[in-house]
C-alpha atoms as a PDB file:
ATOM      1  CA  MET A   1      34.722 143.152  49.093  1.00  0.00           C
ATOM      2  CA  GLN A   2      31.558 142.805  47.018  1.00  0.00           C
ATOM      3  CA  ARG A   3      29.722 139.463  47.089  1.00  0.00           C
ATOM      4  CA  ILE A   4      27.874 138.218  43.986  1.00  0.00           C
ATOM      5  CA  ALA A   5      25.592 135.171  43.801  1.00  0.00           C
ATOM      6  CA  ASN A   6      24.496 133.625  40.522  1.00  0.00           C
ATOM      7  CA  LEU A   7      22.320 130.619  39.766  1.00  0.00           C
ATOM      8  CA  LEU A   8      22.285 128.314  36.762  1.00  0.00           C
ATOM      9  CA  VAL A   9      19.143 126.279  36.091  1.00  0.00           C
ATOM     10  CA  VAL A  10      19.500 122.998  34.219  1.00  0.00           C
ATOM     11  CA  GLN A  11      16.324 121.567  32.724  1.00  0.00           C
ATOM     12  CA  ASP A  12      15.802 119.030  29.928  1.00  0.00           C
ATOM     13  CA  GLY A  13      19.466 119.142  28.905  1.00  0.00           C
ATOM     14  CA  GLN A  14      19.458 122.936  28.636  1.00  0.00           C
ATOM     15  CA  VAL A  15      20.592 125.867  30.764  1.00  0.00           C
ATOM     16  CA  LEU A  16      18.874 129.230  31.199  1.00  0.00           C
ATOM     17  CA  LEU A  17      21.322 132.061  30.501  1.00  0.00           C
ATOM     18  CA  LEU A  18      21.112 135.831  30.462  1.00  0.00           C
ATOM     19  CA  LYS A  19      22.639 137.584  27.444  1.00  0.00           C
ATOM     20  CA  LYS A  20      23.962 140.924  28.670  1.00  0.00           C
ATOM     21  CA  PRO A  21      23.761 143.744  26.089  1.00  0.00           C
ATOM     22  CA  ARG A  22      27.031 145.491  26.987  1.00  0.00           C
ATOM     23  CA  ARG A  23      29.348 142.778  25.601  1.00  0.00           C
ATOM     24  CA  ASN A  24      26.730 140.327  24.262  1.00  0.00           C
ATOM     25  CA  TRP A  25      28.169 137.809  26.708  1.00  0.00           C
ATOM     26  CA  TYR A  26      26.166 135.122  28.453  1.00  0.00           C
ATOM     27  CA  VAL A  27      26.003 134.816  32.241  1.00  0.00           C
ATOM     28  CA  ALA A  28      24.000 132.906  34.794  1.00  0.00           C
ATOM     29  CA  PRO A  29      21.321 135.160  36.310  1.00  0.00           C
ATOM     30  CA  GLY A  30      22.496 136.731  39.540  1.00  0.00           C
ATOM     31  CA  GLY A  31      23.668 139.848  41.299  1.00  0.00           C
ATOM     32  CA  LYS A  32      24.835 141.503  44.479  1.00  0.00           C
ATOM     33  CA  VAL A  33      24.325 139.962  47.895  1.00  0.00           C
ATOM     34  CA  GLU A  34      22.580 142.497  50.148  1.00  0.00           C
ATOM     35  CA  PRO A  35      23.966 143.344  53.612  1.00  0.00           C
ATOM     36  CA  GLU A  36      23.088 140.617  56.146  1.00  0.00           C
ATOM     37  CA  GLU A  37      21.611 138.411  53.386  1.00  0.00           C
ATOM     38  CA  SER A  38      22.813 134.824  53.003  1.00  0.00           C
ATOM     39  CA  ILE A  39      24.404 133.869  49.701  1.00  0.00           C
ATOM     40  CA  TYR A  40      21.709 131.186  49.288  1.00  0.00           C
ATOM     41  CA  ASP A  41      18.872 133.681  49.738  1.00  0.00           C
ATOM     42  CA  ALA A  42      20.625 136.156  47.438  1.00  0.00           C
ATOM     43  CA  ALA A  43      21.018 133.581  44.655  1.00  0.00           C
ATOM     44  CA  ILE A  44      17.311 132.710  44.782  1.00  0.00           C
ATOM     45  CA  ARG A  45      16.216 136.361  45.072  1.00  0.00           C
ATOM     46  CA  GLU A  46      18.419 137.549  42.211  1.00  0.00           C
ATOM     47  CA  PHE A  47      17.417 134.630  39.985  1.00  0.00           C
ATOM     48  CA  THR A  48      13.720 135.246  40.651  1.00  0.00           C
ATOM     49  CA  GLU A  49      14.034 139.014  40.103  1.00  0.00           C
ATOM     50  CA  GLU A  50      15.870 138.528  36.809  1.00  0.00           C
ATOM     51  CA  THR A  51      13.796 135.665  35.396  1.00  0.00           C
ATOM     52  CA  ASN A  52      10.296 135.741  36.952  1.00  0.00           C
ATOM     53  CA  ALA A  53      10.740 132.033  37.829  1.00  0.00           C
ATOM     54  CA  LYS A  54      11.821 130.120  40.947  1.00  0.00           C
ATOM     55  CA  PRO A  55      14.682 127.591  40.992  1.00  0.00           C
ATOM     56  CA  ILE A  56      14.037 124.090  42.334  1.00  0.00           C
ATOM     57  CA  GLN A  57      16.383 122.981  45.151  1.00  0.00           C
ATOM     58  CA  PRO A  58      19.436 125.109  44.332  1.00  0.00           C
ATOM     59  CA  HIS A  59      22.761 124.085  45.791  1.00  0.00           C
ATOM     60  CA  LEU A  60      26.204 125.664  45.931  1.00  0.00           C
ATOM     61  CA  LYS A  61      28.654 124.533  43.240  1.00  0.00           C
ATOM     62  CA  GLY A  62      31.434 127.108  43.325  1.00  0.00           C
ATOM     63  CA  ILE A  63      33.148 129.837  45.325  1.00  0.00           C
ATOM     64  CA  TYR A  64      35.440 132.143  43.396  1.00  0.00           C
ATOM     65  CA  THR A  65      37.560 135.246  43.808  1.00  0.00           C
ATOM     66  CA  MET A  66      37.540 137.527  40.785  1.00  0.00           C
ATOM     67  CA  VAL A  67      40.453 139.948  40.483  1.00  0.00           C
ATOM     68  CA  ILE A  68      40.726 142.796  37.965  1.00  0.00           C
ATOM     69  CA  GLU A  69      44.307 143.926  37.379  1.00  0.00           C
ATOM     70  CA  ASP A  70      46.093 146.713  35.560  1.00  0.00           C
ATOM     71  CA  GLY A  71      49.656 145.486  35.390  1.00  0.00           C
ATOM     72  CA  GLU A  72      50.683 144.865  38.999  1.00  0.00           C
ATOM     73  CA  VAL A  73      47.822 146.960  40.417  1.00  0.00           C
ATOM     74  CA  VAL A  74      44.625 145.285  41.640  1.00  0.00           C
ATOM     75  CA  LYS A  75      41.772 147.527  40.457  1.00  0.00           C
ATOM     76  CA  ASP A  76      38.834 145.494  41.785  1.00  0.00           C
ATOM     77  CA  GLU A  77      38.116 142.227  43.556  1.00  0.00           C
ATOM     78  CA  TRP A  78      34.924 140.387  44.416  1.00  0.00           C
ATOM     79  CA  MET A  79      33.619 136.997  45.526  1.00  0.00           C
ATOM     80  CA  LEU A  80      31.301 134.973  43.296  1.00  0.00           C
ATOM     81  CA  PHE A  81      29.097 132.174  44.648  1.00  0.00           C
ATOM     82  CA  THR A  82      27.676 129.931  41.901  1.00  0.00           C
ATOM     83  CA  PHE A  83      24.591 127.816  42.537  1.00  0.00           C
ATOM     84  CA  VAL A  84      22.876 125.275  40.294  1.00  0.00           C
ATOM     85  CA  ALA A  85      19.278 124.036  40.328  1.00  0.00           C
ATOM     86  CA  ASN A  86      17.710 121.144  38.464  1.00  0.00           C
ATOM     87  CA  GLY A  87      14.631 122.847  37.111  1.00  0.00           C
ATOM     88  CA  LEU A  88      12.402 125.796  37.840  1.00  0.00           C
ATOM     89  CA  THR A  89       8.781 126.666  38.432  1.00  0.00           C
ATOM     90  CA  GLY A  90       7.037 129.408  36.498  1.00  0.00           C
ATOM     91  CA  THR A  91       7.675 130.787  33.051  1.00  0.00           C
ATOM     92  CA  PRO A  92      10.796 132.905  32.603  1.00  0.00           C
ATOM     93  CA  TRP A  93      10.528 136.222  30.832  1.00  0.00           C
ATOM     94  CA  GLU A  94      12.128 136.429  27.402  1.00  0.00           C
ATOM     95  CA  GLU A  95      13.628 139.862  28.043  1.00  0.00           C
ATOM     96  CA  THR A  96      14.394 141.896  31.164  1.00  0.00           C
ATOM     97  CA  ARG A  97      16.132 145.175  31.948  1.00  0.00           C
ATOM     98  CA  GLU A  98      19.285 143.046  32.397  1.00  0.00           C
ATOM     99  CA  GLY A  99      19.153 141.493  28.915  1.00  0.00           C
ATOM    100  CA  LEU A 100      17.690 138.533  27.015  1.00  0.00           C
ATOM    101  CA  LEU A 101      16.894 135.210  28.705  1.00  0.00           C
ATOM    102  CA  GLU A 102      17.615 132.208  26.504  1.00  0.00           C
ATOM    103  CA  TRP A 103      17.684 128.433  26.890  1.00  0.00           C
ATOM    104  CA  HIS A 104      20.799 126.767  25.448  1.00  0.00           C
ATOM    105  CA  PRO A 105      21.903 123.126  25.267  1.00  0.00           C
ATOM    106  CA  ILE A 106      24.475 122.374  27.980  1.00  0.00           C
ATOM    107  CA  GLU A 107      27.148 121.662  25.366  1.00  0.00           C
ATOM    108  CA  HIS A 108      26.864 125.257  24.079  1.00  0.00           C
ATOM    109  CA  LEU A 109      28.539 126.426  27.300  1.00  0.00           C
ATOM    110  CA  GLU A 110      31.783 125.355  25.590  1.00  0.00           C
ATOM    111  CA  SER A 111      31.442 127.978  22.841  1.00  0.00           C
ATOM    112  CA  LEU A 112      28.984 130.743  23.778  1.00  0.00           C
ATOM    113  CA  PRO A 113      30.575 134.176  24.219  1.00  0.00           C
ATOM    114  CA  MET A 114      31.278 134.721  27.937  1.00  0.00           C
ATOM    115  CA  ALA A 115      34.082 135.475  30.355  1.00  0.00           C
ATOM    116  CA  GLU A 116      36.418 132.477  30.483  1.00  0.00           C
ATOM    117  CA  GLY A 117      36.095 132.239  34.269  1.00  0.00           C
ATOM    118  CA  ASP A 118      32.321 132.022  33.880  1.00  0.00           C
ATOM    119  CA  ARG A 119      32.772 129.257  31.312  1.00  0.00           C
ATOM    120  CA  ALA A 120      34.969 127.284  33.718  1.00  0.00           C
ATOM    121  CA  ASN A 121      32.628 127.618  36.673  1.00  0.00           C
ATOM    122  CA  LEU A 122      29.402 126.990  34.720  1.00  0.00           C
ATOM    123  CA  LEU A 123      30.847 123.900  33.015  1.00  0.00           C
ATOM    124  CA  PHE A 124      31.925 122.562  36.401  1.00  0.00           C
ATOM    125  CA  ALA A 125      28.458 123.305  37.817  1.00  0.00           C
ATOM    126  CA  VAL A 126      26.687 121.200  35.184  1.00  0.00           C
ATOM    127  CA  LYS A 127      29.221 118.436  34.560  1.00  0.00           C
ATOM    128  CA  GLU A 128      31.050 117.676  37.808  1.00  0.00           C
ATOM    129  CA  SER A 129      30.174 116.558  41.311  1.00  0.00           C
ATOM    130  CA  GLY A 130      31.339 118.409  44.391  1.00  0.00           C
ATOM    131  CA  THR A 131      32.275 122.037  44.819  1.00  0.00           C
ATOM    132  CA  GLN A 132      34.849 124.085  42.958  1.00  0.00           C
ATOM    133  CA  TYR A 133      36.973 126.899  44.401  1.00  0.00           C
ATOM    134  CA  GLY A 134      39.142 129.266  42.484  1.00  0.00           C
ATOM    135  CA  THR A 135      40.643 132.602  41.642  1.00  0.00           C
ATOM    136  CA  PHE A 136      40.412 134.266  38.236  1.00  0.00           C
ATOM    137  CA  HIS A 137      42.665 137.194  37.303  1.00  0.00           C
ATOM    138  CA  TYR A 138      41.455 139.463  34.487  1.00  0.00           C
ATOM    139  CA  THR A 139      42.512 142.625  32.709  1.00  0.00           C
ATOM    140  CA  GLU A 140      40.104 145.563  32.882  1.00  0.00           C
ATOM    141  CA  GLU A 141      38.793 144.381  29.473  1.00  0.00           C
ATOM    142  CA  PHE A 142      38.020 140.957  31.007  1.00  0.00           C
ATOM    143  CA  GLN A 143      40.783 139.047  29.272  1.00  0.00           C
ATOM    144  CA  LEU A 144      41.723 136.110  31.473  1.00  0.00           C
ATOM    145  CA  LEU A 145      45.309 136.431  32.708  1.00  0.00           C
ATOM    146  CA  LYS A 146      45.446 133.351  34.922  1.00  0.00           C
ATOM    147  CA  GLN A 147      43.308 131.057  37.011  1.00  0.00           C
ATOM    148  CA  HIS A 148      43.789 128.722  39.930  1.00  0.00           C
ATOM    149  CA  LEU A 149      41.106 126.052  40.519  1.00  0.00           C
ATOM    150  CA  GLN A 150      40.523 123.321  43.089  1.00  0.00           C
ATOM    151  CA  SER A 151      37.549 121.088  43.789  1.00  0.00           C
ATOM    152  CA  SER A 152      36.315 118.820  46.534  1.00  0.00           C
ATOM    153  CA  SER A 153      33.416 116.516  47.285  1.00  0.00           C
ATOM    154  CA  GLU A 154      32.031 114.798  50.351  1.00  0.00           C
ATOM    155  CA  GLY A 155      34.027 111.669  49.552  1.00  0.00           C
ATOM    156  CA  ASP A 156      37.303 113.618  49.809  1.00  0.00           C
ATOM    157  CA  VAL A 157      37.195 113.814  53.623  1.00  0.00           C
ATOM    158  CA  LEU A 158      39.776 111.516  55.235  1.00  0.00           C
ATOM    159  CA  ASN A 159      38.877 109.768  58.476  1.00  0.00           C
ATOM    160  CA  GLY A 160      41.534 109.021  61.065  1.00  0.00           C
END
């Protein structure tokens, strides 16, 4: 199963997003986790490679299973690890081989064109405390069929 790590930077009430040319959808910068690489290192490496900037103190916000289905047949499945950082150092490029880098107000996450699973996990990353877990089921055209989400935080642990 493929592992993907992405990283959303929040700074001055805005988020840095990558607009991918294929669908003109927005995503958090990220990519494939290399063999033997930690998801944390992958998120930082991919973010830096795609933006030319370094995230400040990234932390894990979500772990997701993405499933692509054709009727009852699972065509593809991968794990997505979403990180968030409160700021960056350096100046991001405006355009890369992956697409256009753009700053958007946090509230635009509600309406920018993107996969609905991405919208759910990015909104959680910037608005909620704790960690979110979930599974998103899509058609091959990335129409969301169903989702199952849970979340937890340090305060949720019961003692005794």
